[in-house]
C-alpha atoms as a PDB file:
ATOM      1  CA  UNK A   1      -0.032   0.147   0.014  1.00  0.00           C
ATOM      2  CA  UNK A   2       2.798   2.339   0.851  1.00  0.00           C
ATOM      3  CA  UNK A   3       4.940   1.892  -2.310  1.00  0.00           C
ATOM      4  CA  UNK A   4       1.319   2.506  -4.202  1.00  0.00           C
ATOM      5  CA  UNK A   5       0.346   5.759  -3.031  1.00  0.00           C
ATOM      6  CA  UNK A   6       4.348   6.632  -3.396  1.00  0.00           C
ATOM      7  CA  UNK A   7       3.667   5.619  -7.042  1.00  0.00           C
ATOM      8  CA  UNK A   8       0.430   7.245  -7.588  1.00  0.00           C
ATOM      9  CA  UNK A   9       1.236   9.869  -5.891  1.00  0.00           C
ATOM     10  CA  UNK A  10       4.409  10.895  -8.772  1.00  0.00           C
ATOM     11  CA  UNK A  11       2.301   9.671 -11.048  1.00  0.00           C
ATOM     12  CA  UNK A  12      -0.027  12.361 -10.725  1.00  0.00           C
ATOM     13  CA  UNK A  13       2.978  14.782 -10.618  1.00  0.00           C
ATOM     14  CA  UNK A  14       4.922  13.723 -13.747  1.00  0.00           C
ATOM     15  CA  UNK A  15       1.694  13.589 -15.564  1.00  0.00           C
ATOM     16  CA  UNK A  16       0.540  17.591 -14.194  1.00  0.00           C
ATOM     17  CA  UNK A  17       4.437  18.489 -15.333  1.00  0.00           C
ATOM     18  CA  UNK A  18       4.016  16.719 -18.699  1.00  0.00           C
ATOM     19  CA  UNK A  19       0.820  18.195 -19.563  1.00  0.00           C
ATOM     20  CA  UNK A  20       2.130  22.034 -18.499  1.00  0.00           C
ATOM     21  CA  UNK A  21       5.585  21.406 -20.976  1.00  0.00           C
ATOM     22  CA  UNK A  22       4.013  20.040 -23.749  1.00  0.00           C
ATOM     23  CA  UNK A  23       0.453  22.291 -23.979  1.00  0.00           C
ATOM     24  CA  UNK A  24       3.482  25.097 -23.515  1.00  0.00           C
ATOM     25  CA  UNK A  25       5.607  23.865 -25.688  1.00  0.00           C
ATOM     26  CA  UNK A  26       8.329  24.292 -22.977  1.00  0.00           C
ATOM     27  CA  UNK A  27      10.199  21.913 -20.825  1.00  0.00           C
ATOM     28  CA  UNK A  28      11.388  25.304 -18.179  1.00  0.00           C
ATOM     29  CA  UNK A  29       8.995  26.034 -15.787  1.00  0.00           C
ATOM     30  CA  UNK A  30       9.859  29.490 -14.977  1.00  0.00           C
ATOM     31  CA  UNK A  31       8.214  30.123 -18.651  1.00  0.00           C
ATOM     32  CA  UNK A  32       5.088  27.904 -18.487  1.00  0.00           C
ATOM     33  CA  UNK A  33       4.668  29.122 -14.816  1.00  0.00           C
ATOM     34  CA  UNK A  34       5.181  32.984 -16.361  1.00  0.00           C
ATOM     35  CA  UNK A  35       1.945  35.329 -16.787  1.00  0.00           C
ATOM     36  CA  UNK A  36       2.109  34.236 -20.808  1.00  0.00           C
ATOM     37  CA  UNK A  37       2.662  30.728 -20.576  1.00  0.00           C
ATOM     38  CA  UNK A  38      -0.767  30.261 -17.895  1.00  0.00           C
ATOM     39  CA  UNK A  39      -2.014  32.293 -20.553  1.00  0.00           C
ATOM     40  CA  UNK A  40      -0.743  29.797 -23.062  1.00  0.00           C
ATOM     41  CA  UNK A  41      -1.768  26.924 -20.908  1.00  0.00           C
ATOM     42  CA  UNK A  42      -5.627  28.869 -20.199  1.00  0.00           C
ATOM     43  CA  UNK A  43      -5.575  29.599 -24.368  1.00  0.00           C
ATOM     44  CA  UNK A  44      -5.887  25.840 -25.588  1.00  0.00           C
ATOM     45  CA  UNK A  45      -8.298  24.169 -23.233  1.00  0.00           C
ATOM     46  CA  UNK A  46      -9.544  27.055 -20.403  1.00  0.00           C
ATOM     47  CA  UNK A  47      -9.778  24.006 -18.228  1.00  0.00           C
ATOM     48  CA  UNK A  48      -6.682  22.465 -18.351  1.00  0.00           C
ATOM     49  CA  UNK A  49      -4.594  25.019 -16.170  1.00  0.00           C
ATOM     50  CA  UNK A  50      -7.226  23.343 -13.325  1.00  0.00           C
ATOM     51  CA  UNK A  51      -7.030  20.049 -13.333  1.00  0.00           C
ATOM     52  CA  UNK A  52      -3.128  20.457 -13.970  1.00  0.00           C
ATOM     53  CA  UNK A  53      -3.248  22.596 -10.633  1.00  0.00           C
ATOM     54  CA  UNK A  54      -5.531  19.335  -9.121  1.00  0.00           C
ATOM     55  CA  UNK A  55      -2.998  16.826 -10.206  1.00  0.00           C
ATOM     56  CA  UNK A  56      -0.166  18.823  -8.742  1.00  0.00           C
ATOM     57  CA  UNK A  57      -2.233  19.709  -4.828  1.00  0.00           C
ATOM     58  CA  UNK A  58      -3.204  15.725  -5.073  1.00  0.00           C
ATOM     59  CA  UNK A  59      -0.143  14.602  -5.611  1.00  0.00           C
ATOM     60  CA  UNK A  60       0.874  16.477  -2.597  1.00  0.00           C
ATOM     61  CA  UNK A  61      -1.520  15.216  -0.677  1.00  0.00           C
ATOM     62  CA  UNK A  62      -1.070  11.815  -1.009  1.00  0.00           C
ATOM     63  CA  UNK A  63       2.491  12.053  -1.256  1.00  0.00           C
ATOM     64  CA  UNK A  64       2.239  14.083   2.687  1.00  0.00           C
ATOM     65  CA  UNK A  65      -0.018  11.291   3.392  1.00  0.00           C
ATOM     66  CA  UNK A  66      -3.245  12.915   3.979  1.00  0.00           C
ATOM     67  CA  UNK A  67      -7.104  12.195   3.036  1.00  0.00           C
ATOM     68  CA  UNK A  68      -7.452  10.067   1.761  1.00  0.00           C
ATOM     69  CA  UNK A  69      -3.342   8.791   1.585  1.00  0.00           C
ATOM     70  CA  UNK A  70      -3.381   7.178   5.538  1.00  0.00           C
ATOM     71  CA  UNK A  71      -2.223   4.509   5.302  1.00  0.00           C
ATOM     72  CA  UNK A  72       1.177   5.186   4.692  1.00  0.00           C
ATOM     73  CA  UNK A  73       1.488   6.658   7.581  1.00  0.00           C
ATOM     74  CA  UNK A  74       1.281   3.749   9.801  1.00  0.00           C
ATOM     75  CA  UNK A  75       3.139   0.662   7.365  1.00  0.00           C
ATOM     76  CA  UNK A  76       6.094   3.049   7.942  1.00  0.00           C
ATOM     77  CA  UNK A  77       5.572   3.502  12.083  1.00  0.00           C
ATOM     78  CA  UNK A  78       6.480   0.486  12.324  1.00  0.00           C
ATOM     79  CA  UNK A  79       9.716   1.024  11.400  1.00  0.00           C
ATOM     80  CA  UNK A  80      12.229   2.577  13.590  1.00  0.00           C
ATOM     81  CA  UNK A  81      10.228   5.559  15.232  1.00  0.00           C
ATOM     82  CA  UNK A  82      13.586   7.729  14.643  1.00  0.00           C
ATOM     83  CA  UNK A  83      13.749   6.777  11.221  1.00  0.00           C
ATOM     84  CA  UNK A  84      10.286   6.686  10.042  1.00  0.00           C
ATOM     85  CA  UNK A  85       9.941  10.164  11.238  1.00  0.00           C
ATOM     86  CA  UNK A  86      13.475  11.655   9.817  1.00  0.00           C
ATOM     87  CA  UNK A  87      12.344  10.183   6.689  1.00  0.00           C
ATOM     88  CA  UNK A  88       8.943  12.114   6.901  1.00  0.00           C
ATOM     89  CA  UNK A  89      10.408  15.210   8.166  1.00  0.00           C
ATOM     90  CA  UNK A  90      13.470  15.749   5.657  1.00  0.00           C
ATOM     91  CA  UNK A  91      11.734  13.777   2.788  1.00  0.00           C
ATOM     92  CA  UNK A  92       8.363  13.999   1.851  1.00  0.00           C
ATOM     93  CA  UNK A  93       7.320  17.304   3.765  1.00  0.00           C
ATOM     94  CA  UNK A  94      10.282  19.060   2.203  1.00  0.00           C
ATOM     95  CA  UNK A  95       9.317  17.496  -0.715  1.00  0.00           C
ATOM     96  CA  UNK A  96       5.661  18.068  -0.554  1.00  0.00           C
ATOM     97  CA  UNK A  97       6.385  22.007   0.215  1.00  0.00           C
ATOM     98  CA  UNK A  98       8.652  22.664  -2.268  1.00  0.00           C
ATOM     99  CA  UNK A  99       6.485  21.463  -4.765  1.00  0.00           C
ATOM    100  CA  UNK A 100       3.110  24.132  -3.453  1.00  0.00           C
ATOM    101  CA  UNK A 101       5.475  26.843  -2.996  1.00  0.00           C
ATOM    102  CA  UNK A 102       6.911  25.736  -7.252  1.00  0.00           C
ATOM    103  CA  UNK A 103       4.246  25.861  -8.645  1.00  0.00           C
ATOM    104  CA  UNK A 104       2.103  28.702  -6.539  1.00  0.00           C
ATOM    105  CA  UNK A 105       1.275  30.926  -9.728  1.00  0.00           C
ATOM    106  CA  UNK A 106      -0.847  27.598 -11.039  1.00  0.00           C
ATOM    107  CA  UNK A 107      -2.512  26.542  -8.563  1.00  0.00           C
ATOM    108  CA  UNK A 108      -3.239  30.388  -6.667  1.00  0.00           C
ATOM    109  CA  UNK A 109      -4.565  31.370  -9.980  1.00  0.00           C
ATOM    110  CA  UNK A 110      -7.410  28.491 -10.319  1.00  0.00           C
ATOM    111  CA  UNK A 111      -9.727  28.694  -7.835  1.00  0.00           C
ATOM    112  CA  UNK A 112     -10.920  24.688  -8.169  1.00  0.00           C
ATOM    113  CA  UNK A 113      -7.431  24.092  -7.317  1.00  0.00           C
ATOM    114  CA  UNK A 114      -6.958  26.428  -3.467  1.00  0.00           C
ATOM    115  CA  UNK A 115     -10.560  24.694  -2.952  1.00  0.00           C
ATOM    116  CA  UNK A 116      -9.277  21.196  -3.584  1.00  0.00           C
ATOM    117  CA  UNK A 117      -6.621  22.659  -1.204  1.00  0.00           C
ATOM    118  CA  UNK A 118      -8.715  23.827   1.504  1.00  0.00           C
ATOM    119  CA  UNK A 119     -11.216  20.741   1.749  1.00  0.00           C
ATOM    120  CA  UNK A 120      -8.941  17.835   1.299  1.00  0.00           C
ATOM    121  CA  UNK A 121      -6.802  19.873   3.534  1.00  0.00           C
ATOM    122  CA  UNK A 122      -9.334  20.693   6.475  1.00  0.00           C
ATOM    123  CA  UNK A 123     -11.340  16.530   5.935  1.00  0.00           C
ATOM    124  CA  UNK A 124      -7.229  15.092   6.394  1.00  0.00           C
ATOM    125  CA  UNK A 125      -7.290  17.302   9.539  1.00  0.00           C
ATOM    126  CA  UNK A 126      -9.999  16.170  11.204  1.00  0.00           C
ATOM    127  CA  UNK A 127     -10.130  12.577   9.780  1.00  0.00           C
ATOM    128  CA  UNK A 128      -6.699  12.135  11.050  1.00  0.00           C
ATOM    129  CA  UNK A 129      -7.342  13.900  14.564  1.00  0.00           C
ATOM    130  CA  UNK A 130     -11.223  11.601  14.629  1.00  0.00           C
ATOM    131  CA  UNK A 131      -9.147   8.670  13.706  1.00  0.00           C
ATOM    132  CA  UNK A 132      -5.567   9.095  16.167  1.00  0.00           C
ATOM    133  CA  UNK A 133      -8.140   9.585  19.193  1.00  0.00           C
ATOM    134  CA  UNK A 134      -9.716   5.715  18.345  1.00  0.00           C
ATOM    135  CA  UNK A 135      -6.726   3.927  18.122  1.00  0.00           C
ATOM    136  CA  UNK A 136      -4.849   2.502  21.228  1.00  0.00           C
ATOM    137  CA  UNK A 137      -0.820   1.720  20.197  1.00  0.00           C
ATOM    138  CA  UNK A 138       0.756   5.235  20.530  1.00  0.00           C
ATOM    139  CA  UNK A 139       3.045   5.021  17.034  1.00  0.00           C
ATOM    140  CA  UNK A 140      -0.399   4.709  15.535  1.00  0.00           C
ATOM    141  CA  UNK A 141      -1.856   7.178  17.254  1.00  0.00           C
ATOM    142  CA  UNK A 142       1.289   9.435  16.510  1.00  0.00           C
ATOM    143  CA  UNK A 143       0.800   8.488  12.740  1.00  0.00           C
ATOM    144  CA  UNK A 144      -2.368   9.899  12.760  1.00  0.00           C
ATOM    145  CA  UNK A 145      -1.608  13.077  14.743  1.00  0.00           C
ATOM    146  CA  UNK A 146       1.088  13.781  12.457  1.00  0.00           C
ATOM    147  CA  UNK A 147      -1.219  13.675   8.957  1.00  0.00           C
ATOM    148  CA  UNK A 148      -3.554  16.092  10.646  1.00  0.00           C
ATOM    149  CA  UNK A 149      -1.294  18.479  11.389  1.00  0.00           C
ATOM    150  CA  UNK A 150       0.379  18.740   7.926  1.00  0.00           C
ATOM    151  CA  UNK A 151      -3.549  18.678   6.871  1.00  0.00           C
ATOM    152  CA  UNK A 152      -3.389  22.066   8.899  1.00  0.00           C
ATOM    153  CA  UNK A 153      -1.047  23.258   7.078  1.00  0.00           C
ATOM    154  CA  UNK A 154      -2.540  22.725   3.752  1.00  0.00           C
ATOM    155  CA  UNK A 155      -5.960  24.233   4.826  1.00  0.00           C
ATOM    156  CA  UNK A 156      -4.049  27.482   5.805  1.00  0.00           C
ATOM    157  CA  UNK A 157      -2.127  27.436   2.318  1.00  0.00           C
ATOM    158  CA  UNK A 158      -5.395  27.648   0.200  1.00  0.00           C
END
């Protein structure tokens, strides 16, 4: 489940970048995210930039283990706690935030992307808290609480 979640999340992000680059005719992300590049994206198909923004948001939420991808946190917490914490905090969190910050011009420009980010972030925060309260094992509850906190961060970014 953990590997499948990672592959799906990364696949959504790769698909979004490929769609952006092929539609704009350039592989330079700065050119795609410029105002001219975003206008070119919307000119060919008006719904495409919002769709690409949703793909990026879903990829980030999956990578961060937020709703509906809660499962990989529990599997990862079966490892040594220190190892899991370092992998998550040093690897996944910076990559999530980098993608959101890097593609912010695209995500912020289209309401559907921001609504998806805020809605799923809020849902992840609430569900993560409730699931954590119902767990007896400390390590599992801790994994869900960490997920819940990142749901709050994602909701705040929207």
